[in-house]
Amino acid sequence: MRRITLMIALIFTGLYLEAHEDRNVIPTEKNTVEKDVISNKEKSTFTTTESIIPKDKSWITSVSFYSQDNNLGYLIIQSKNKTTIHQNVPKGIWTALKGAKSTNGYYNFYIKDKYSLAK
């Protein structure tokens, strides 16, 4: 009986964690940083504004980098369902991401959980 209870608890824990895996995702319409960066980029003083559409088969549909000092900036990752914004990303990381063979792989290994999300 204990094994069955433990197994059920593990299954529900896994389902809960999977459902909340995207807890760091920032809702598009409520994020003021995204509005400042994307919608008002013409009015902002960004010295670097670049975007790419990954050529590999990736869940990422586009990636943009915005920097005011040409050193650190905002990295905006867009997919069909969500937009994630990382802040204080070095320009070197952006440059390497642009040249990566796998956009998704590079993001997961070098960026995800390593750079804070804009709030």
N, C-alpha and C. Protein backbone atom coordinates (compact mmCIF):
# COMPACT_ATOMS: atom_id res chain seq x y z
N MET A 1 0.82 -1.20 0.00
CA MET A 1 0.00 0.00 0.00
C MET A 1 0.87 1.27 0.00
N ARG A 2 1.99 1.22 0.75
CA ARG A 2 2.88 2.37 0.80
C ARG A 2 3.48 2.63 -0.57
N ARG A 3 3.82 1.57 -1.28
CA ARG A 3 4.41 1.74 -2.61
C ARG A 3 3.42 2.39 -3.57
N ILE A 4 2.19 1.98 -3.50
CA ILE A 4 1.17 2.57 -4.38
C ILE A 4 0.98 4.04 -4.04
N THR A 5 0.90 4.36 -2.76
CA THR A 5 0.74 5.75 -2.34
C THR A 5 1.94 6.59 -2.77
N LEU A 6 3.14 6.04 -2.59
CA LEU A 6 4.34 6.75 -3.01
C LEU A 6 4.35 6.96 -4.52
N MET A 7 3.97 5.94 -5.26
CA MET A 7 3.94 6.03 -6.72
C MET A 7 2.95 7.10 -7.19
N ILE A 8 1.79 7.13 -6.58
CA ILE A 8 0.78 8.14 -6.93
C ILE A 8 1.29 9.54 -6.59
N ALA A 9 1.93 9.68 -5.43
CA ALA A 9 2.48 10.98 -5.03
C ALA A 9 3.55 11.44 -6.02
N LEU A 10 4.41 10.52 -6.46
CA LEU A 10 5.44 10.87 -7.43
C LEU A 10 4.85 11.28 -8.77
N ILE A 11 3.82 10.58 -9.21
CA ILE A 11 3.17 10.92 -10.47
C ILE A 11 2.56 12.31 -10.40
N PHE A 12 1.83 12.59 -9.31
CA PHE A 12 1.22 13.91 -9.19
C PHE A 12 2.25 15.02 -9.02
N THR A 13 3.35 14.73 -8.34
CA THR A 13 4.41 15.71 -8.21
C THR A 13 5.01 16.02 -9.58
N GLY A 14 5.24 14.98 -10.37
CA GLY A 14 5.76 15.18 -11.72
C GLY A 14 4.82 15.99 -12.58
N LEU A 15 3.54 15.69 -12.50
CA LEU A 15 2.54 16.44 -13.27
C LEU A 15 2.50 17.90 -12.82
N TYR A 16 2.58 18.11 -11.51
CA TYR A 16 2.57 19.48 -10.99
C TYR A 16 3.78 20.26 -11.49
N LEU A 17 4.96 19.64 -11.39
CA LEU A 17 6.17 20.32 -11.84
C LEU A 17 6.15 20.60 -13.33
N GLU A 18 5.63 19.68 -14.11
CA GLU A 18 5.54 19.89 -15.56
C GLU A 18 4.58 21.02 -15.88
N ALA A 19 3.46 21.09 -15.15
CA ALA A 19 2.48 22.15 -15.39
C ALA A 19 3.02 23.51 -15.00
N HIS A 20 3.94 23.54 -14.04
CA HIS A 20 4.48 24.81 -13.58
C HIS A 20 5.90 25.05 -14.08
N GLU A 21 6.30 24.31 -15.08
CA GLU A 21 7.65 24.44 -15.64
C GLU A 21 7.88 25.82 -16.21
N ASP A 22 6.86 26.45 -16.74
CA ASP A 22 6.99 27.77 -17.37
C ASP A 22 6.70 28.90 -16.40
N ARG A 23 6.97 28.69 -15.12
CA ARG A 23 6.65 29.71 -14.12
C ARG A 23 7.45 30.99 -14.30
N ASN A 24 8.57 30.92 -15.03
CA ASN A 24 9.38 32.10 -15.28
C ASN A 24 8.97 32.85 -16.55
N VAL A 25 7.96 32.36 -17.22
CA VAL A 25 7.52 33.00 -18.45
C VAL A 25 6.79 34.29 -18.11
N ILE A 26 7.06 35.29 -18.85
CA ILE A 26 6.49 36.60 -18.58
C ILE A 26 5.32 36.83 -19.54
N PRO A 27 4.12 37.08 -19.02
CA PRO A 27 2.98 37.33 -19.90
C PRO A 27 3.23 38.55 -20.79
N THR A 28 2.92 38.42 -22.07
CA THR A 28 3.22 39.46 -23.04
C THR A 28 2.52 40.77 -22.72
N GLU A 29 1.21 40.75 -22.49
CA GLU A 29 0.50 42.02 -22.36
C GLU A 29 0.74 42.72 -21.03
N LYS A 30 1.29 42.07 -20.03
CA LYS A 30 1.48 42.69 -18.73
C LYS A 30 2.92 43.15 -18.49
N ASN A 31 3.82 42.88 -19.38
CA ASN A 31 5.23 43.16 -19.13
C ASN A 31 5.63 44.53 -19.65
N THR A 32 5.97 45.42 -18.74
CA THR A 32 6.34 46.78 -19.16
C THR A 32 7.70 46.81 -19.82
N VAL A 33 8.63 45.95 -19.39
CA VAL A 33 9.94 45.92 -20.03
C VAL A 33 9.78 45.53 -21.49
N GLU A 34 8.98 44.51 -21.76
CA GLU A 34 8.77 44.09 -23.14
C GLU A 34 8.14 45.21 -23.95
N LYS A 35 7.17 45.90 -23.36
CA LYS A 35 6.56 47.03 -24.08
C LYS A 35 7.60 48.09 -24.38
N ASP A 36 8.46 48.40 -23.39
CA ASP A 36 9.52 49.39 -23.61
C ASP A 36 10.49 48.93 -24.68
N VAL A 37 10.87 47.67 -24.61
CA VAL A 37 11.89 47.16 -25.52
C VAL A 37 11.34 46.96 -26.93
N ILE A 38 10.18 46.32 -27.05
CA ILE A 38 9.64 45.98 -28.36
C ILE A 38 8.80 47.12 -28.95
N SER A 39 7.78 47.55 -28.25
CA SER A 39 6.83 48.51 -28.80
C SER A 39 7.41 49.91 -28.94
N ASN A 40 8.24 50.31 -28.00
CA ASN A 40 8.76 51.67 -28.00
C ASN A 40 10.24 51.74 -28.33
N LYS A 41 10.74 50.75 -29.06
CA LYS A 41 12.19 50.72 -29.31
C LYS A 41 12.66 51.93 -30.11
N GLU A 42 11.77 52.52 -30.90
CA GLU A 42 12.15 53.70 -31.66
C GLU A 42 12.41 54.88 -30.74
N LYS A 43 11.72 54.94 -29.61
CA LYS A 43 11.85 56.05 -28.67
C LYS A 43 12.97 55.81 -27.66
N SER A 44 13.39 54.55 -27.52
CA SER A 44 14.42 54.20 -26.55
C SER A 44 15.80 54.46 -27.14
N THR A 45 16.78 54.51 -26.26
CA THR A 45 18.14 54.78 -26.71
C THR A 45 18.97 53.50 -26.70
N PHE A 46 18.62 52.55 -27.54
CA PHE A 46 19.37 51.32 -27.67
C PHE A 46 20.42 51.50 -28.76
N THR A 47 21.67 51.21 -28.41
CA THR A 47 22.73 51.32 -29.41
C THR A 47 22.81 50.05 -30.26
N THR A 48 22.31 48.94 -29.71
CA THR A 48 22.30 47.68 -30.44
C THR A 48 20.88 47.14 -30.45
N THR A 49 20.35 46.91 -31.64
CA THR A 49 19.04 46.27 -31.78
C THR A 49 19.16 45.28 -32.94
N GLU A 50 19.15 44.00 -32.61
CA GLU A 50 19.29 42.97 -33.63
C GLU A 50 18.27 41.86 -33.38
N SER A 51 17.87 41.20 -34.45
CA SER A 51 16.94 40.07 -34.35
C SER A 51 17.34 39.00 -35.36
N ILE A 52 17.02 37.76 -35.02
CA ILE A 52 17.21 36.65 -35.95
C ILE A 52 16.01 35.73 -35.90
N ILE A 53 15.81 35.00 -36.96
CA ILE A 53 14.84 33.91 -37.00
C ILE A 53 15.68 32.65 -37.16
N PRO A 54 15.63 31.75 -36.19
CA PRO A 54 16.47 30.55 -36.25
C PRO A 54 16.21 29.74 -37.52
N LYS A 55 17.29 29.25 -38.13
CA LYS A 55 17.18 28.45 -39.34
C LYS A 55 17.02 26.97 -39.02
N ASP A 56 17.42 26.59 -37.80
CA ASP A 56 17.27 25.20 -37.41
C ASP A 56 15.85 24.94 -36.93
N LYS A 57 15.52 23.67 -36.79
CA LYS A 57 14.19 23.30 -36.30
C LYS A 57 14.20 23.50 -34.80
N SER A 58 13.59 24.56 -34.35
CA SER A 58 13.61 24.93 -32.95
C SER A 58 12.23 25.39 -32.52
N TRP A 59 11.95 25.28 -31.23
CA TRP A 59 10.69 25.81 -30.71
C TRP A 59 10.75 27.33 -30.67
N ILE A 60 11.93 27.89 -30.79
CA ILE A 60 12.12 29.34 -30.78
C ILE A 60 11.79 29.88 -32.17
N THR A 61 10.87 30.85 -32.24
CA THR A 61 10.50 31.41 -33.54
C THR A 61 11.30 32.65 -33.90
N SER A 62 11.76 33.40 -32.89
CA SER A 62 12.63 34.55 -33.15
C SER A 62 13.37 34.92 -31.87
N VAL A 63 14.51 35.57 -32.05
CA VAL A 63 15.32 36.02 -30.93
C VAL A 63 15.77 37.45 -31.23
N SER A 64 15.67 38.32 -30.23
CA SER A 64 16.10 39.71 -30.39
C SER A 64 17.01 40.10 -29.25
N PHE A 65 17.92 41.03 -29.55
CA PHE A 65 18.85 41.54 -28.54
C PHE A 65 18.82 43.06 -28.59
N TYR A 66 18.61 43.68 -27.43
CA TYR A 66 18.57 45.13 -27.31
C TYR A 66 19.55 45.55 -26.22
N SER A 67 20.45 46.47 -26.56
CA SER A 67 21.44 46.92 -25.58
C SER A 67 21.58 48.43 -25.65
N GLN A 68 21.70 49.04 -24.48
CA GLN A 68 21.91 50.48 -24.42
C GLN A 68 23.38 50.84 -24.38
N ASP A 69 24.23 49.92 -23.90
CA ASP A 69 25.66 50.22 -23.78
C ASP A 69 26.54 49.35 -24.69
N ASN A 70 25.92 48.58 -25.56
CA ASN A 70 26.62 47.69 -26.49
C ASN A 70 27.47 46.65 -25.76
N ASN A 71 27.10 46.37 -24.50
CA ASN A 71 27.82 45.38 -23.70
C ASN A 71 26.84 44.37 -23.11
N LEU A 72 25.90 44.84 -22.31
CA LEU A 72 24.86 44.00 -21.73
C LEU A 72 23.52 44.44 -22.30
N GLY A 73 22.57 43.50 -22.37
CA GLY A 73 21.27 43.88 -22.91
C GLY A 73 20.17 42.91 -22.57
N TYR A 74 19.04 43.14 -23.20
CA TYR A 74 17.86 42.29 -23.07
C TYR A 74 17.87 41.28 -24.22
N LEU A 75 17.64 40.02 -23.89
CA LEU A 75 17.51 38.98 -24.89
C LEU A 75 16.06 38.51 -24.84
N ILE A 76 15.36 38.67 -25.96
CA ILE A 76 13.95 38.32 -26.02
C ILE A 76 13.79 37.07 -26.86
N ILE A 77 13.30 36.01 -26.23
CA ILE A 77 13.08 34.73 -26.88
C ILE A 77 11.59 34.60 -27.13
N GLN A 78 11.21 34.40 -28.40
CA GLN A 78 9.79 34.26 -28.73
C GLN A 78 9.53 32.88 -29.32
N SER A 79 8.41 32.32 -28.89
CA SER A 79 7.92 31.07 -29.47
C SER A 79 6.46 31.30 -29.84
N LYS A 80 5.79 30.28 -30.30
CA LYS A 80 4.38 30.43 -30.68
C LYS A 80 3.53 30.80 -29.47
N ASN A 81 3.89 30.30 -28.29
CA ASN A 81 3.03 30.45 -27.13
C ASN A 81 3.49 31.43 -26.07
N LYS A 82 4.76 31.86 -26.13
CA LYS A 82 5.24 32.70 -25.03
C LYS A 82 6.41 33.58 -25.47
N THR A 83 6.66 34.57 -24.64
CA THR A 83 7.80 35.45 -24.81
C THR A 83 8.56 35.46 -23.49
N THR A 84 9.86 35.24 -23.56
CA THR A 84 10.71 35.25 -22.37
C THR A 84 11.78 36.31 -22.57
N ILE A 85 11.97 37.15 -21.56
CA ILE A 85 12.95 38.22 -21.65
C ILE A 85 14.00 38.03 -20.57
N HIS A 86 15.25 37.91 -20.98
CA HIS A 86 16.38 37.84 -20.06
C HIS A 86 17.08 39.18 -20.07
N GLN A 87 17.55 39.61 -18.92
CA GLN A 87 18.24 40.89 -18.84
C GLN A 87 19.70 40.68 -18.44
N ASN A 88 20.50 41.68 -18.70
CA ASN A 88 21.94 41.65 -18.40
C ASN A 88 22.67 40.52 -19.11
N VAL A 89 22.26 40.25 -20.34
CA VAL A 89 22.92 39.23 -21.15
C VAL A 89 24.08 39.89 -21.90
N PRO A 90 25.29 39.34 -21.78
CA PRO A 90 26.43 39.92 -22.49
C PRO A 90 26.27 39.81 -24.01
N LYS A 91 26.80 40.80 -24.70
CA LYS A 91 26.70 40.79 -26.16
C LYS A 91 27.40 39.57 -26.75
N GLY A 92 28.46 39.08 -26.10
CA GLY A 92 29.16 37.88 -26.57
C GLY A 92 28.25 36.66 -26.59
N ILE A 93 27.36 36.55 -25.64
CA ILE A 93 26.40 35.44 -25.61
C ILE A 93 25.46 35.57 -26.80
N TRP A 94 25.00 36.79 -27.08
CA TRP A 94 24.14 37.04 -28.24
C TRP A 94 24.86 36.66 -29.53
N THR A 95 26.10 37.08 -29.67
CA THR A 95 26.87 36.77 -30.87
C THR A 95 27.03 35.27 -31.06
N ALA A 96 27.32 34.56 -29.97
CA ALA A 96 27.47 33.11 -30.05
C ALA A 96 26.13 32.43 -30.37
N LEU A 97 25.04 32.95 -29.83
CA LEU A 97 23.72 32.39 -30.11
C LEU A 97 23.39 32.52 -31.60
N LYS A 98 23.74 33.66 -32.18
CA LYS A 98 23.47 33.86 -33.61
C LYS A 98 24.21 32.84 -34.47
N GLY A 99 25.39 32.43 -34.05
CA GLY A 99 26.19 31.50 -34.83
C GLY A 99 26.03 30.04 -34.43
N ALA A 100 25.21 29.77 -33.45
CA ALA A 100 25.06 28.39 -32.95
C ALA A 100 24.36 27.50 -33.98
N LYS A 101 24.78 26.25 -34.04
CA LYS A 101 24.13 25.28 -34.93
C LYS A 101 22.73 24.96 -34.44
N SER A 102 22.55 24.95 -33.13
CA SER A 102 21.24 24.67 -32.54
C SER A 102 20.86 25.83 -31.62
N THR A 103 19.92 26.63 -32.06
CA THR A 103 19.46 27.77 -31.26
C THR A 103 18.89 27.29 -29.93
N ASN A 104 18.05 26.27 -30.00
CA ASN A 104 17.41 25.72 -28.82
C ASN A 104 18.45 25.14 -27.86
N GLY A 105 19.39 24.38 -28.39
CA GLY A 105 20.43 23.79 -27.55
C GLY A 105 21.30 24.84 -26.88
N TYR A 106 21.70 25.85 -27.64
CA TYR A 106 22.52 26.92 -27.08
C TYR A 106 21.75 27.65 -25.99
N TYR A 107 20.49 27.95 -26.26
CA TYR A 107 19.66 28.64 -25.26
C TYR A 107 19.57 27.82 -23.98
N ASN A 108 19.26 26.55 -24.11
CA ASN A 108 19.09 25.71 -22.92
C ASN A 108 20.39 25.55 -22.14
N PHE A 109 21.52 25.48 -22.80
CA PHE A 109 22.79 25.22 -22.12
C PHE A 109 23.44 26.50 -21.59
N TYR A 110 23.39 27.59 -22.34
CA TYR A 110 24.15 28.78 -21.97
C TYR A 110 23.32 29.95 -21.43
N ILE A 111 22.01 29.94 -21.64
CA ILE A 111 21.22 31.12 -21.27
C ILE A 111 20.15 30.80 -20.23
N LYS A 112 19.33 29.80 -20.49
CA LYS A 112 18.23 29.47 -19.60
C LYS A 112 18.74 29.22 -18.19
N ASP A 113 18.11 29.82 -17.22
CA ASP A 113 18.45 29.71 -15.79
C ASP A 113 19.81 30.31 -15.43
N LYS A 114 20.46 31.00 -16.37
CA LYS A 114 21.75 31.62 -16.08
C LYS A 114 21.66 33.16 -16.07
N TYR A 115 20.68 33.69 -16.76
CA TYR A 115 20.48 35.14 -16.79
C TYR A 115 19.08 35.44 -16.27
N SER A 116 19.01 36.45 -15.42
CA SER A 116 17.74 36.74 -14.75
C SER A 116 16.69 37.18 -15.76
N LEU A 117 15.47 36.86 -15.41
CA LEU A 117 14.34 37.25 -16.25
C LEU A 117 13.90 38.65 -15.88
N ALA A 118 13.58 39.44 -16.87
CA ALA A 118 13.10 40.80 -16.63
C ALA A 118 11.72 40.72 -16.00
N LYS A 119 11.49 41.53 -15.02
CA LYS A 119 10.18 41.54 -14.32
C LYS A 119 9.42 42.78 -14.68
